Amino acid sequence: MVLNTAKEVFIQGVTEDGKTFRPSDWAERLAGVMSPFRPGGATPGSHLSYSPWCIPTTLGGIKCVVVHRDLRDYDVMAWDFVMNFARDNGLQLAEACLLPDTTPSR
């Protein structure tokens, strides 16, 4: 269950029974399908980059897709598609926020 107040939802590549989700490039595939959904809509060449609202990443060795709430505000059917993908495949969800990488100061 995802709360309406969540800013970002992490879809984790681990099923509810603890198994690694396959295929191994599932996160990139899902984010690729969502690439047209972006601020300002699809533009020529936008299919060559991920939407800022649906980004594949790896956290702690686990493939994830970070889905931003703005996707839901932009297109509720696109949001439902991503959430239903997670539910239908029994993937774990976590509400959080992605922090930018920081370099330790010297």
N, C-alpha and C. Protein backbone atom coordinates (compact mmCIF):
# COMPACT_ATOMS: atom_id res chain seq x y z
N MET A 1 0.84 -1.19 0.00
CA MET A 1 0.00 0.00 0.00
C MET A 1 0.88 1.24 0.00
N VAL A 2 0.61 2.14 -0.90
CA VAL A 2 1.36 3.38 -1.02
C VAL A 2 0.47 4.52 -0.54
N LEU A 3 0.98 5.32 0.38
CA LEU A 3 0.22 6.45 0.89
C LEU A 3 0.17 7.57 -0.14
N ASN A 4 -0.90 8.34 -0.12
CA ASN A 4 -1.03 9.46 -1.05
C ASN A 4 -0.01 10.55 -0.78
N THR A 5 0.59 10.56 0.41
CA THR A 5 1.56 11.60 0.77
C THR A 5 2.98 11.24 0.36
N ALA A 6 3.20 10.04 -0.12
CA ALA A 6 4.55 9.61 -0.50
C ALA A 6 5.05 10.43 -1.69
N LYS A 7 6.26 10.98 -1.58
CA LYS A 7 6.86 11.73 -2.70
C LYS A 7 7.51 10.78 -3.70
N GLU A 8 8.14 9.72 -3.20
CA GLU A 8 8.79 8.74 -4.06
C GLU A 8 8.50 7.34 -3.55
N VAL A 9 8.32 6.44 -4.48
CA VAL A 9 8.12 5.03 -4.16
C VAL A 9 9.24 4.25 -4.81
N PHE A 10 9.88 3.40 -4.04
CA PHE A 10 10.94 2.54 -4.54
C PHE A 10 10.33 1.17 -4.81
N ILE A 11 10.36 0.76 -6.08
CA ILE A 11 9.97 -0.60 -6.43
C ILE A 11 11.26 -1.40 -6.40
N GLN A 12 11.32 -2.36 -5.50
CA GLN A 12 12.53 -3.13 -5.30
C GLN A 12 12.47 -4.44 -6.07
N GLY A 13 13.60 -4.85 -6.61
CA GLY A 13 13.69 -6.07 -7.40
C GLY A 13 13.79 -7.32 -6.55
N VAL A 14 12.99 -7.34 -5.50
CA VAL A 14 12.91 -8.49 -4.60
C VAL A 14 11.43 -8.79 -4.40
N THR A 15 11.05 -10.04 -4.60
CA THR A 15 9.65 -10.41 -4.45
C THR A 15 9.29 -10.49 -2.97
N GLU A 16 8.00 -10.57 -2.70
CA GLU A 16 7.53 -10.63 -1.32
C GLU A 16 8.06 -11.85 -0.58
N ASP A 17 8.41 -12.91 -1.32
CA ASP A 17 8.98 -14.09 -0.66
C ASP A 17 10.50 -14.08 -0.65
N GLY A 18 11.11 -12.92 -0.99
CA GLY A 18 12.55 -12.74 -0.85
C GLY A 18 13.41 -13.15 -2.03
N LYS A 19 12.79 -13.52 -3.14
CA LYS A 19 13.56 -13.93 -4.32
C LYS A 19 13.91 -12.73 -5.20
N THR A 20 15.07 -12.80 -5.85
CA THR A 20 15.48 -11.75 -6.78
C THR A 20 14.60 -11.82 -8.02
N PHE A 21 14.05 -10.67 -8.41
CA PHE A 21 13.17 -10.62 -9.57
C PHE A 21 13.99 -10.70 -10.85
N ARG A 22 13.51 -11.45 -11.81
CA ARG A 22 14.15 -11.61 -13.11
C ARG A 22 13.20 -11.16 -14.20
N PRO A 23 13.68 -10.69 -15.33
CA PRO A 23 15.07 -10.69 -15.78
C PRO A 23 15.88 -9.60 -15.07
N SER A 24 17.18 -9.72 -15.17
CA SER A 24 18.06 -8.82 -14.43
C SER A 24 17.96 -7.37 -14.90
N ASP A 25 17.46 -7.13 -16.10
CA ASP A 25 17.33 -5.76 -16.60
C ASP A 25 15.90 -5.23 -16.50
N TRP A 26 15.11 -5.80 -15.60
CA TRP A 26 13.71 -5.40 -15.48
C TRP A 26 13.56 -3.91 -15.18
N ALA A 27 14.44 -3.36 -14.33
CA ALA A 27 14.32 -1.95 -13.93
C ALA A 27 14.53 -1.02 -15.13
N GLU A 28 15.53 -1.33 -15.93
CA GLU A 28 15.80 -0.52 -17.11
C GLU A 28 14.66 -0.63 -18.13
N ARG A 29 14.11 -1.83 -18.26
CA ARG A 29 12.99 -2.02 -19.19
C ARG A 29 11.77 -1.22 -18.76
N LEU A 30 11.43 -1.32 -17.47
CA LEU A 30 10.27 -0.59 -16.96
C LEU A 30 10.47 0.92 -17.11
N ALA A 31 11.63 1.41 -16.73
CA ALA A 31 11.91 2.85 -16.86
C ALA A 31 11.91 3.27 -18.32
N GLY A 32 12.37 2.41 -19.21
CA GLY A 32 12.36 2.72 -20.63
C GLY A 32 10.95 2.87 -21.18
N VAL A 33 10.06 2.00 -20.75
CA VAL A 33 8.66 2.09 -21.17
C VAL A 33 8.04 3.40 -20.70
N MET A 34 8.48 3.88 -19.54
CA MET A 34 7.92 5.10 -18.96
C MET A 34 8.61 6.38 -19.44
N SER A 35 9.60 6.27 -20.33
CA SER A 35 10.37 7.45 -20.75
C SER A 35 9.54 8.57 -21.39
N PRO A 36 8.42 8.29 -22.07
CA PRO A 36 7.65 9.42 -22.63
C PRO A 36 6.96 10.28 -21.58
N PHE A 37 6.79 9.75 -20.38
CA PHE A 37 6.08 10.48 -19.33
C PHE A 37 7.07 11.34 -18.56
N ARG A 38 7.09 12.61 -18.93
CA ARG A 38 8.09 13.54 -18.39
C ARG A 38 7.51 14.95 -18.40
N PRO A 39 8.11 15.85 -17.62
CA PRO A 39 7.64 17.24 -17.65
C PRO A 39 7.68 17.79 -19.07
N GLY A 40 6.60 18.38 -19.51
CA GLY A 40 6.53 18.92 -20.86
C GLY A 40 6.15 17.90 -21.91
N GLY A 41 5.99 16.64 -21.51
CA GLY A 41 5.59 15.59 -22.44
C GLY A 41 6.74 15.08 -23.28
N ALA A 42 6.44 14.09 -24.09
CA ALA A 42 7.45 13.48 -24.96
C ALA A 42 7.89 14.48 -26.03
N THR A 43 9.17 14.46 -26.33
CA THR A 43 9.74 15.30 -27.38
C THR A 43 10.63 14.42 -28.25
N PRO A 44 11.01 14.89 -29.44
CA PRO A 44 11.91 14.09 -30.26
C PRO A 44 13.19 13.75 -29.48
N GLY A 45 13.52 12.49 -29.46
CA GLY A 45 14.72 12.04 -28.77
C GLY A 45 14.54 11.75 -27.29
N SER A 46 13.36 12.04 -26.73
CA SER A 46 13.17 11.81 -25.29
C SER A 46 13.17 10.32 -24.95
N HIS A 47 12.95 9.48 -25.94
CA HIS A 47 12.99 8.04 -25.70
C HIS A 47 14.42 7.55 -25.42
N LEU A 48 15.39 8.42 -25.62
CA LEU A 48 16.79 8.05 -25.40
C LEU A 48 17.25 8.29 -23.97
N SER A 49 16.36 8.82 -23.14
CA SER A 49 16.71 9.04 -21.73
C SER A 49 15.52 8.66 -20.86
N TYR A 50 15.80 8.40 -19.60
CA TYR A 50 14.73 8.04 -18.67
C TYR A 50 13.97 9.28 -18.23
N SER A 51 12.72 9.08 -17.91
CA SER A 51 11.92 10.15 -17.34
C SER A 51 12.45 10.47 -15.94
N PRO A 52 12.46 11.74 -15.54
CA PRO A 52 12.88 12.05 -14.17
C PRO A 52 11.89 11.54 -13.13
N TRP A 53 10.75 11.06 -13.58
CA TRP A 53 9.74 10.53 -12.66
C TRP A 53 9.82 9.02 -12.50
N CYS A 54 10.68 8.35 -13.24
CA CYS A 54 10.78 6.89 -13.19
C CYS A 54 12.22 6.50 -13.53
N ILE A 55 13.04 6.32 -12.50
CA ILE A 55 14.48 6.17 -12.69
C ILE A 55 14.96 4.82 -12.16
N PRO A 56 15.66 4.04 -12.99
CA PRO A 56 16.24 2.80 -12.48
C PRO A 56 17.51 3.11 -11.70
N THR A 57 17.74 2.34 -10.66
CA THR A 57 18.95 2.52 -9.85
C THR A 57 19.23 1.21 -9.12
N THR A 58 20.36 1.16 -8.47
CA THR A 58 20.71 0.01 -7.63
C THR A 58 21.02 0.55 -6.24
N LEU A 59 20.35 0.01 -5.24
CA LEU A 59 20.56 0.42 -3.85
C LEU A 59 20.88 -0.82 -3.02
N GLY A 60 22.04 -0.82 -2.40
CA GLY A 60 22.42 -1.96 -1.59
C GLY A 60 22.48 -3.25 -2.37
N GLY A 61 22.86 -3.16 -3.64
CA GLY A 61 22.95 -4.34 -4.48
C GLY A 61 21.62 -4.84 -5.02
N ILE A 62 20.55 -4.09 -4.79
CA ILE A 62 19.21 -4.48 -5.24
C ILE A 62 18.76 -3.52 -6.33
N LYS A 63 18.36 -4.08 -7.47
CA LYS A 63 17.81 -3.25 -8.55
C LYS A 63 16.50 -2.65 -8.08
N CYS A 64 16.31 -1.37 -8.37
CA CYS A 64 15.10 -0.66 -7.98
C CYS A 64 14.68 0.29 -9.09
N VAL A 65 13.44 0.70 -9.03
CA VAL A 65 12.96 1.82 -9.84
C VAL A 65 12.36 2.82 -8.86
N VAL A 66 12.84 4.06 -8.95
CA VAL A 66 12.32 5.13 -8.11
C VAL A 66 11.25 5.85 -8.93
N VAL A 67 10.03 5.85 -8.40
CA VAL A 67 8.90 6.46 -9.09
C VAL A 67 8.45 7.68 -8.27
N HIS A 68 8.46 8.84 -8.90
CA HIS A 68 8.10 10.08 -8.22
C HIS A 68 6.60 10.33 -8.32
N ARG A 69 6.05 10.90 -7.26
CA ARG A 69 4.62 11.19 -7.20
C ARG A 69 4.16 12.09 -8.36
N ASP A 70 5.03 12.92 -8.88
CA ASP A 70 4.66 13.80 -9.98
C ASP A 70 4.14 13.01 -11.19
N LEU A 71 4.57 11.76 -11.33
CA LEU A 71 4.05 10.92 -12.41
C LEU A 71 2.55 10.74 -12.23
N ARG A 72 2.12 10.49 -11.00
CA ARG A 72 0.69 10.30 -10.72
C ARG A 72 -0.08 11.59 -11.02
N ASP A 73 0.49 12.72 -10.64
CA ASP A 73 -0.17 14.00 -10.90
C ASP A 73 -0.26 14.29 -12.40
N TYR A 74 0.73 13.84 -13.15
CA TYR A 74 0.78 14.08 -14.60
C TYR A 74 -0.16 13.14 -15.36
N ASP A 75 -0.12 11.84 -14.99
CA ASP A 75 -0.91 10.84 -15.72
C ASP A 75 -1.20 9.67 -14.78
N VAL A 76 -2.40 9.65 -14.23
CA VAL A 76 -2.74 8.62 -13.24
C VAL A 76 -2.70 7.22 -13.85
N MET A 77 -2.98 7.09 -15.14
CA MET A 77 -2.93 5.77 -15.76
C MET A 77 -1.50 5.26 -15.86
N ALA A 78 -0.54 6.14 -16.10
CA ALA A 78 0.87 5.75 -16.12
C ALA A 78 1.30 5.31 -14.72
N TRP A 79 0.89 6.05 -13.70
CA TRP A 79 1.19 5.69 -12.31
C TRP A 79 0.60 4.31 -12.00
N ASP A 80 -0.66 4.11 -12.37
CA ASP A 80 -1.31 2.82 -12.12
C ASP A 80 -0.59 1.69 -12.83
N PHE A 81 -0.11 1.93 -14.04
CA PHE A 81 0.62 0.91 -14.79
C PHE A 81 1.85 0.45 -14.00
N VAL A 82 2.62 1.41 -13.49
CA VAL A 82 3.84 1.08 -12.75
C VAL A 82 3.51 0.37 -11.44
N MET A 83 2.52 0.88 -10.71
CA MET A 83 2.15 0.26 -9.43
C MET A 83 1.56 -1.13 -9.65
N ASN A 84 0.77 -1.30 -10.71
CA ASN A 84 0.21 -2.62 -11.01
C ASN A 84 1.30 -3.59 -11.44
N PHE A 85 2.33 -3.11 -12.14
CA PHE A 85 3.47 -3.96 -12.48
C PHE A 85 4.09 -4.51 -11.21
N ALA A 86 4.31 -3.64 -10.24
CA ALA A 86 4.91 -4.07 -8.98
C ALA A 86 4.00 -5.07 -8.26
N ARG A 87 2.73 -4.76 -8.18
CA ARG A 87 1.79 -5.64 -7.49
C ARG A 87 1.66 -6.98 -8.19
N ASP A 88 1.49 -6.96 -9.51
CA ASP A 88 1.30 -8.20 -10.27
C ASP A 88 2.50 -9.13 -10.17
N ASN A 89 3.69 -8.56 -9.99
CA ASN A 89 4.91 -9.36 -9.89
C ASN A 89 5.36 -9.59 -8.45
N GLY A 90 4.54 -9.15 -7.50
CA GLY A 90 4.84 -9.38 -6.08
C GLY A 90 6.10 -8.69 -5.61
N LEU A 91 6.40 -7.51 -6.17
CA LEU A 91 7.63 -6.80 -5.80
C LEU A 91 7.40 -5.96 -4.55
N GLN A 92 8.46 -5.81 -3.77
CA GLN A 92 8.39 -5.03 -2.55
C GLN A 92 8.43 -3.54 -2.88
N LEU A 93 7.64 -2.77 -2.14
CA LEU A 93 7.59 -1.32 -2.30
C LEU A 93 8.06 -0.66 -1.01
N ALA A 94 8.72 0.48 -1.16
CA ALA A 94 9.13 1.27 -0.01
C ALA A 94 8.92 2.74 -0.34
N GLU A 95 8.39 3.48 0.62
CA GLU A 95 8.24 4.91 0.45
C GLU A 95 9.47 5.58 1.03
N ALA A 96 10.07 6.47 0.25
CA ALA A 96 11.30 7.13 0.70
C ALA A 96 11.57 8.30 -0.22
N CYS A 97 12.75 8.88 -0.05
CA CYS A 97 13.20 9.90 -0.98
C CYS A 97 14.64 9.61 -1.34
N LEU A 98 14.96 9.77 -2.61
CA LEU A 98 16.30 9.52 -3.11
C LEU A 98 17.14 10.75 -2.85
N LEU A 99 18.25 10.57 -2.16
CA LEU A 99 19.15 11.67 -1.86
C LEU A 99 20.26 11.71 -2.90
N PRO A 100 20.72 12.90 -3.26
CA PRO A 100 21.81 12.98 -4.24
C PRO A 100 23.10 12.43 -3.65
N ASP A 101 23.95 11.92 -4.53
CA ASP A 101 25.27 11.46 -4.09
C ASP A 101 26.06 12.65 -3.59
N THR A 102 26.78 12.45 -2.50
CA THR A 102 27.62 13.52 -1.99
C THR A 102 29.05 13.03 -1.90
N THR A 103 29.95 13.93 -2.12
CA THR A 103 31.37 13.61 -2.02
C THR A 103 31.86 14.14 -0.68
N PRO A 104 32.54 13.30 0.11
CA PRO A 104 33.03 13.78 1.40
C PRO A 104 34.00 14.95 1.20
N SER A 105 33.83 15.98 2.01
CA SER A 105 34.74 17.13 1.91
C SER A 105 36.03 16.82 2.65
N ARG A 106 37.10 17.40 2.17
CA ARG A 106 38.43 17.13 2.75
C ARG A 106 38.91 18.30 3.54
